[in-house]
Structures are given as structure tokens and as C-alpha cells.
């Protein structure tokens, strides 16, 4: 898929991550929360970030059509975080993930962008189920996932990792299943 993927919310622009985002990706992946809750990706300079984008982000866009989106504020075009859809090894289904620079947390941007990604997943990519994984200690993310109508399912471990993660699931038809 070679088209440019760009979406908007009331306050945000979500645009597919490209090599132009290398400096931002370097900054984001080296924040304390990224290291603590997501894990060290060994991105120690801009060139490592470019390699990460080339090897881990761009191929997913070509393969699946969906991707990691760089999130910017409309008001000043500042890059504040990322949000996207991922086909992760060890997770059954498509995973929604997001991370923001510390100064842009707790302002509703994660909810706003993740809500838009859920909408895109359902309407554009026809994905009726999503999952999300989180570190057991990331209570803020757990609350956000519940606000996004994800339900805790079980504890899992990803391949090559011993750290237990919490698996959440979302289905477009939760309500219909509850009625039936």
C-alpha cells in the first residue's frame, strides 16, 4: 500500500511514521516510561532511529496497510507521541499501542488518538477485534484501555521475554454479544 495515511481528530493529526520522524522517534523511544513499560529498543542515535523505522515500521505499512502513526498537535504541529496498529509476535490479533512524550501525558491525547485508531481499524481496515498489552505496573494505561472499552483477558508473555504482560481485548460487538 503506497498511499499516505493521515487522519485527524479535533486536536490532533495522525500521520504514518516516516524517516522524517527519526529525531522524534529517537527522543520518544528514550523516554523513561518507554524504557520502563515498553522496553529498550537500543536506539542510541538518530541513525539507529532511521534503521528502526526502516526495519520495524515501514515494512508493516507495506504488508498490512496499517501502521505506527506519529501524532502531532494541530495547534502548533509539534510531534507529541505515536499511536498505531501492530501485528506483534506472540499476540493473537492486532495490537493497538501508543506512547507520548512526558510533557504531553494526562492531557487526553492518548485517549483521543487511540479512539481514532479504533475507529480507523473498524471502518477502514475492517478489524472487528483488537488487543492491547501492558506492563502490570502501568496502571494509567490499564485505566485508559478500560475507558476505551478494552477488557482484561489474561496474563501472557511474549516470545524471548519472561516479563508477564496483561492482555486486553476489544470487540466491535461487545454490546451485541451481551444482549444475545
C-alpha atoms as a PDB file:
ATOM      1  CA  UNK A   1       0.000   0.000   0.000  1.00  0.00           C
ATOM      2  CA  UNK A   2       1.662   3.230  -1.142  1.00  0.00           C
ATOM      3  CA  UNK A   3      -0.892   5.832  -0.158  1.00  0.00           C
ATOM      4  CA  UNK A   4      -0.271   8.384   2.533  1.00  0.00           C
ATOM      5  CA  UNK A   5      -2.184   7.567   5.704  1.00  0.00           C
ATOM      6  CA  UNK A   6      -3.195  10.725   7.540  1.00  0.00           C
ATOM      7  CA  UNK A   7      -6.159  11.177   9.883  1.00  0.00           C
ATOM      8  CA  UNK A   8      -7.400  13.978  12.088  1.00  0.00           C
ATOM      9  CA  UNK A   9      -9.222  14.400  15.361  1.00  0.00           C
ATOM     10  CA  UNK A  10     -10.401  17.608  16.950  1.00  0.00           C
ATOM     11  CA  UNK A  11      -6.917  18.476  18.240  1.00  0.00           C
ATOM     12  CA  UNK A  12      -4.560  16.042  16.543  1.00  0.00           C
ATOM     13  CA  UNK A  13      -3.108  14.875  13.237  1.00  0.00           C
ATOM     14  CA  UNK A  14      -2.147  11.199  12.985  1.00  0.00           C
ATOM     15  CA  UNK A  15       0.252  10.590  10.104  1.00  0.00           C
ATOM     16  CA  UNK A  16       2.096   7.429   9.162  1.00  0.00           C
ATOM     17  CA  UNK A  17       5.583   7.478  10.605  1.00  0.00           C
ATOM     18  CA  UNK A  18       8.333   8.078   8.047  1.00  0.00           C
ATOM     19  CA  UNK A  19      12.082   8.658   8.062  1.00  0.00           C
ATOM     20  CA  UNK A  20      11.328  12.361   8.571  1.00  0.00           C
ATOM     21  CA  UNK A  21      10.323  11.368  12.121  1.00  0.00           C
ATOM     22  CA  UNK A  22      13.715   9.875  13.030  1.00  0.00           C
ATOM     23  CA  UNK A  23      14.702  12.569  15.551  1.00  0.00           C
ATOM     24  CA  UNK A  24      11.296  12.391  17.192  1.00  0.00           C
ATOM     25  CA  UNK A  25      11.369   8.570  17.351  1.00  0.00           C
ATOM     26  CA  UNK A  26      14.837   8.760  18.903  1.00  0.00           C
ATOM     27  CA  UNK A  27      13.502  11.121  21.583  1.00  0.00           C
ATOM     28  CA  UNK A  28      10.321   9.121  22.269  1.00  0.00           C
ATOM     29  CA  UNK A  29      11.986   5.712  22.474  1.00  0.00           C
ATOM     30  CA  UNK A  30      14.467   7.053  25.005  1.00  0.00           C
ATOM     31  CA  UNK A  31      11.945   8.431  27.492  1.00  0.00           C
ATOM     32  CA  UNK A  32      11.960   6.815  30.946  1.00  0.00           C
ATOM     33  CA  UNK A  33       8.415   5.454  30.577  1.00  0.00           C
ATOM     34  CA  UNK A  34       9.193   3.857  27.201  1.00  0.00           C
ATOM     35  CA  UNK A  35      12.171   2.073  28.732  1.00  0.00           C
ATOM     36  CA  UNK A  36      10.223   1.057  31.835  1.00  0.00           C
ATOM     37  CA  UNK A  37       6.940  -0.062  30.281  1.00  0.00           C
ATOM     38  CA  UNK A  38       7.727  -0.933  26.660  1.00  0.00           C
ATOM     39  CA  UNK A  39      11.384  -1.831  26.654  1.00  0.00           C
ATOM     40  CA  UNK A  40      14.736  -0.678  25.402  1.00  0.00           C
ATOM     41  CA  UNK A  41      14.931  -0.787  21.599  1.00  0.00           C
ATOM     42  CA  UNK A  42      18.658   0.071  21.582  1.00  0.00           C
ATOM     43  CA  UNK A  43      18.076   3.357  19.783  1.00  0.00           C
ATOM     44  CA  UNK A  44      21.089   5.414  20.845  1.00  0.00           C
ATOM     45  CA  UNK A  45      21.250   7.941  17.996  1.00  0.00           C
ATOM     46  CA  UNK A  46      19.323   9.282  15.001  1.00  0.00           C
ATOM     47  CA  UNK A  47      20.830   6.663  12.668  1.00  0.00           C
ATOM     48  CA  UNK A  48      19.517   3.881  14.953  1.00  0.00           C
ATOM     49  CA  UNK A  49      16.094   5.518  14.796  1.00  0.00           C
ATOM     50  CA  UNK A  50      16.255   5.565  10.987  1.00  0.00           C
ATOM     51  CA  UNK A  51      17.182   1.871  10.976  1.00  0.00           C
ATOM     52  CA  UNK A  52      14.307   1.133  13.381  1.00  0.00           C
ATOM     53  CA  UNK A  53      11.842   2.973  11.134  1.00  0.00           C
ATOM     54  CA  UNK A  54      13.181   1.220   8.008  1.00  0.00           C
ATOM     55  CA  UNK A  55      13.225  -2.262   9.555  1.00  0.00           C
ATOM     56  CA  UNK A  56      10.333  -2.253  12.024  1.00  0.00           C
ATOM     57  CA  UNK A  57       7.805   0.390  10.973  1.00  0.00           C
ATOM     58  CA  UNK A  58       7.804   0.815   7.191  1.00  0.00           C
ATOM     59  CA  UNK A  59       7.571  -2.919   6.330  1.00  0.00           C
ATOM     60  CA  UNK A  60       4.383  -3.184   8.402  1.00  0.00           C
ATOM     61  CA  UNK A  61       2.776  -0.420   6.363  1.00  0.00           C
ATOM     62  CA  UNK A  62       3.622  -2.245   3.137  1.00  0.00           C
ATOM     63  CA  UNK A  63       2.490  -5.625   4.468  1.00  0.00           C
ATOM     64  CA  UNK A  64      -0.725  -4.716   6.315  1.00  0.00           C
ATOM     65  CA  UNK A  65      -1.725  -1.231   5.220  1.00  0.00           C
ATOM     66  CA  UNK A  66      -1.911  -0.003   8.797  1.00  0.00           C
ATOM     67  CA  UNK A  67       0.972   1.249  10.803  1.00  0.00           C
ATOM     68  CA  UNK A  68       2.518   3.348  13.504  1.00  0.00           C
ATOM     69  CA  UNK A  69       1.266   6.912  13.344  1.00  0.00           C
ATOM     70  CA  UNK A  70       3.189   9.934  14.543  1.00  0.00           C
ATOM     71  CA  UNK A  71       0.779  12.144  16.490  1.00  0.00           C
ATOM     72  CA  UNK A  72       1.079  15.937  16.220  1.00  0.00           C
ATOM     73  CA  UNK A  73      -0.991  18.733  17.677  1.00  0.00           C
ATOM     74  CA  UNK A  74      -2.940  20.753  15.117  1.00  0.00           C
ATOM     75  CA  UNK A  75      -2.398  23.978  17.030  1.00  0.00           C
ATOM     76  CA  UNK A  76       1.391  24.072  16.617  1.00  0.00           C
ATOM     77  CA  UNK A  77       2.336  20.965  14.574  1.00  0.00           C
ATOM     78  CA  UNK A  78       4.515  19.667  17.441  1.00  0.00           C
ATOM     79  CA  UNK A  79       5.080  15.904  17.437  1.00  0.00           C
ATOM     80  CA  UNK A  80       3.843  14.627  20.786  1.00  0.00           C
ATOM     81  CA  UNK A  81       3.569  10.836  20.530  1.00  0.00           C
ATOM     82  CA  UNK A  82       2.716   7.802  18.485  1.00  0.00           C
ATOM     83  CA  UNK A  83      -0.268   5.526  18.204  1.00  0.00           C
ATOM     84  CA  UNK A  84      -0.889   2.641  15.872  1.00  0.00           C
ATOM     85  CA  UNK A  85      -1.817  -0.892  14.976  1.00  0.00           C
ATOM     86  CA  UNK A  86       0.746  -3.662  15.245  1.00  0.00           C
ATOM     87  CA  UNK A  87       0.901  -7.343  14.348  1.00  0.00           C
ATOM     88  CA  UNK A  88       3.104  -8.476  17.254  1.00  0.00           C
ATOM     89  CA  UNK A  89       4.674 -11.878  17.541  1.00  0.00           C
ATOM     90  CA  UNK A  90       3.130 -13.721  20.482  1.00  0.00           C
ATOM     91  CA  UNK A  91      -0.110 -11.740  20.455  1.00  0.00           C
ATOM     92  CA  UNK A  92      -3.111 -13.254  18.735  1.00  0.00           C
ATOM     93  CA  UNK A  93      -4.764 -10.451  16.807  1.00  0.00           C
ATOM     94  CA  UNK A  94      -3.847  -6.888  16.014  1.00  0.00           C
ATOM     95  CA  UNK A  95      -2.485  -4.844  18.886  1.00  0.00           C
ATOM     96  CA  UNK A  96      -3.148  -1.163  19.485  1.00  0.00           C
ATOM     97  CA  UNK A  97      -0.264   0.686  21.066  1.00  0.00           C
ATOM     98  CA  UNK A  98       0.601   4.238  21.944  1.00  0.00           C
ATOM     99  CA  UNK A  99       3.186   6.330  23.751  1.00  0.00           C
ATOM    100  CA  UNK A 100       3.596  10.053  24.342  1.00  0.00           C
ATOM    101  CA  UNK A 101       6.359  12.365  25.413  1.00  0.00           C
ATOM    102  CA  UNK A 102       6.063  13.006  29.167  1.00  0.00           C
ATOM    103  CA  UNK A 103       5.054  16.651  28.803  1.00  0.00           C
ATOM    104  CA  UNK A 104       2.012  15.641  26.711  1.00  0.00           C
ATOM    105  CA  UNK A 105       0.670  12.939  29.020  1.00  0.00           C
ATOM    106  CA  UNK A 106      -2.542  13.331  31.032  1.00  0.00           C
ATOM    107  CA  UNK A 107      -3.972  15.842  28.547  1.00  0.00           C
ATOM    108  CA  UNK A 108      -6.341  13.424  26.791  1.00  0.00           C
ATOM    109  CA  UNK A 109      -4.161  12.992  23.708  1.00  0.00           C
ATOM    110  CA  UNK A 110      -3.651   9.241  24.190  1.00  0.00           C
ATOM    111  CA  UNK A 111      -7.394   8.643  24.501  1.00  0.00           C
ATOM    112  CA  UNK A 112      -8.189  10.903  21.543  1.00  0.00           C
ATOM    113  CA  UNK A 113      -5.649   9.268  19.242  1.00  0.00           C
ATOM    114  CA  UNK A 114      -6.393   5.683  20.363  1.00  0.00           C
ATOM    115  CA  UNK A 115     -10.136   6.258  19.925  1.00  0.00           C
ATOM    116  CA  UNK A 116      -9.453   7.428  16.366  1.00  0.00           C
ATOM    117  CA  UNK A 117      -7.222   4.407  15.704  1.00  0.00           C
ATOM    118  CA  UNK A 118     -10.023   2.097  16.923  1.00  0.00           C
ATOM    119  CA  UNK A 119     -12.415   3.846  14.532  1.00  0.00           C
ATOM    120  CA  UNK A 120      -9.970   3.503  11.619  1.00  0.00           C
ATOM    121  CA  UNK A 121      -9.339  -0.156  12.490  1.00  0.00           C
ATOM    122  CA  UNK A 122     -13.050  -0.914  12.348  1.00  0.00           C
ATOM    123  CA  UNK A 123     -14.221   1.262   9.449  1.00  0.00           C
ATOM    124  CA  UNK A 124     -11.230   1.336   7.129  1.00  0.00           C
ATOM    125  CA  UNK A 125      -9.297  -1.837   7.876  1.00  0.00           C
ATOM    126  CA  UNK A 126     -12.367  -3.937   8.814  1.00  0.00           C
ATOM    127  CA  UNK A 127     -10.759  -5.174  12.039  1.00  0.00           C
ATOM    128  CA  UNK A 128     -13.551  -6.043  14.455  1.00  0.00           C
ATOM    129  CA  UNK A 129     -11.221  -7.153  17.235  1.00  0.00           C
ATOM    130  CA  UNK A 130      -8.170  -5.507  18.730  1.00  0.00           C
ATOM    131  CA  UNK A 131      -5.944  -6.336  21.628  1.00  0.00           C
ATOM    132  CA  UNK A 132      -3.558  -4.378  23.789  1.00  0.00           C
ATOM    133  CA  UNK A 133      -0.735  -5.443  26.058  1.00  0.00           C
ATOM    134  CA  UNK A 134       0.638  -3.610  29.033  1.00  0.00           C
ATOM    135  CA  UNK A 135       3.059  -3.969  31.860  1.00  0.00           C
ATOM    136  CA  UNK A 136       1.379  -4.951  35.128  1.00  0.00           C
ATOM    137  CA  UNK A 137       2.707  -1.784  36.804  1.00  0.00           C
ATOM    138  CA  UNK A 138       1.353   0.603  34.146  1.00  0.00           C
ATOM    139  CA  UNK A 139      -1.886   1.429  35.960  1.00  0.00           C
ATOM    140  CA  UNK A 140      -2.511   4.564  33.887  1.00  0.00           C
ATOM    141  CA  UNK A 141      -2.548   2.572  30.667  1.00  0.00           C
ATOM    142  CA  UNK A 142      -4.815  -0.071  32.190  1.00  0.00           C
ATOM    143  CA  UNK A 143      -7.346   2.635  33.117  1.00  0.00           C
ATOM    144  CA  UNK A 144      -7.087   4.143  29.636  1.00  0.00           C
ATOM    145  CA  UNK A 145      -7.690   0.757  27.986  1.00  0.00           C
ATOM    146  CA  UNK A 146     -10.799   0.258  30.110  1.00  0.00           C
ATOM    147  CA  UNK A 147     -12.015   3.742  29.144  1.00  0.00           C
ATOM    148  CA  UNK A 148     -11.534   2.658  25.503  1.00  0.00           C
ATOM    149  CA  UNK A 149     -13.778  -0.384  26.219  1.00  0.00           C
ATOM    150  CA  UNK A 150     -10.986  -2.960  26.286  1.00  0.00           C
ATOM    151  CA  UNK A 151     -11.480  -5.818  28.725  1.00  0.00           C
ATOM    152  CA  UNK A 152      -8.733  -7.605  30.641  1.00  0.00           C
ATOM    153  CA  UNK A 153      -8.392 -11.182  29.407  1.00  0.00           C
ATOM    154  CA  UNK A 154      -5.264 -12.832  30.819  1.00  0.00           C
ATOM    155  CA  UNK A 155      -1.587 -12.608  31.609  1.00  0.00           C
ATOM    156  CA  UNK A 156       0.792 -13.556  28.781  1.00  0.00           C
ATOM    157  CA  UNK A 157       4.494 -13.471  27.942  1.00  0.00           C
ATOM    158  CA  UNK A 158       5.868 -12.516  24.559  1.00  0.00           C
ATOM    159  CA  UNK A 159       8.461 -14.698  22.833  1.00  0.00           C
ATOM    160  CA  UNK A 160      12.004 -14.076  24.103  1.00  0.00           C
ATOM    161  CA  UNK A 161      10.671 -12.308  27.193  1.00  0.00           C
ATOM    162  CA  UNK A 162       9.992 -13.607  30.669  1.00  0.00           C
ATOM    163  CA  UNK A 163       8.167 -10.483  31.793  1.00  0.00           C
ATOM    164  CA  UNK A 164       4.447 -11.121  32.244  1.00  0.00           C
ATOM    165  CA  UNK A 165       2.145  -8.725  30.403  1.00  0.00           C
ATOM    166  CA  UNK A 166      -1.558  -8.087  30.751  1.00  0.00           C
ATOM    167  CA  UNK A 167      -3.598  -8.838  27.618  1.00  0.00           C
ATOM    168  CA  UNK A 168      -6.701  -6.770  26.937  1.00  0.00           C
ATOM    169  CA  UNK A 169      -9.228  -7.382  24.159  1.00  0.00           C
ATOM    170  CA  UNK A 170     -11.777  -5.206  22.399  1.00  0.00           C
ATOM    171  CA  UNK A 171     -14.521  -6.395  20.071  1.00  0.00           C
ATOM    172  CA  UNK A 172     -16.753  -4.164  17.983  1.00  0.00           C
ATOM    173  CA  UNK A 173     -19.759  -6.212  19.029  1.00  0.00           C
ATOM    174  CA  UNK A 174     -19.306  -6.494  22.843  1.00  0.00           C
ATOM    175  CA  UNK A 175     -22.739  -4.967  23.332  1.00  0.00           C
ATOM    176  CA  UNK A 176     -24.469  -7.261  20.838  1.00  0.00           C
ATOM    177  CA  UNK A 177     -22.921 -10.348  22.441  1.00  0.00           C
ATOM    178  CA  UNK A 178     -24.125  -9.247  25.898  1.00  0.00           C
ATOM    179  CA  UNK A 179     -27.725  -8.953  24.665  1.00  0.00           C
ATOM    180  CA  UNK A 180     -27.844 -12.291  22.849  1.00  0.00           C
END
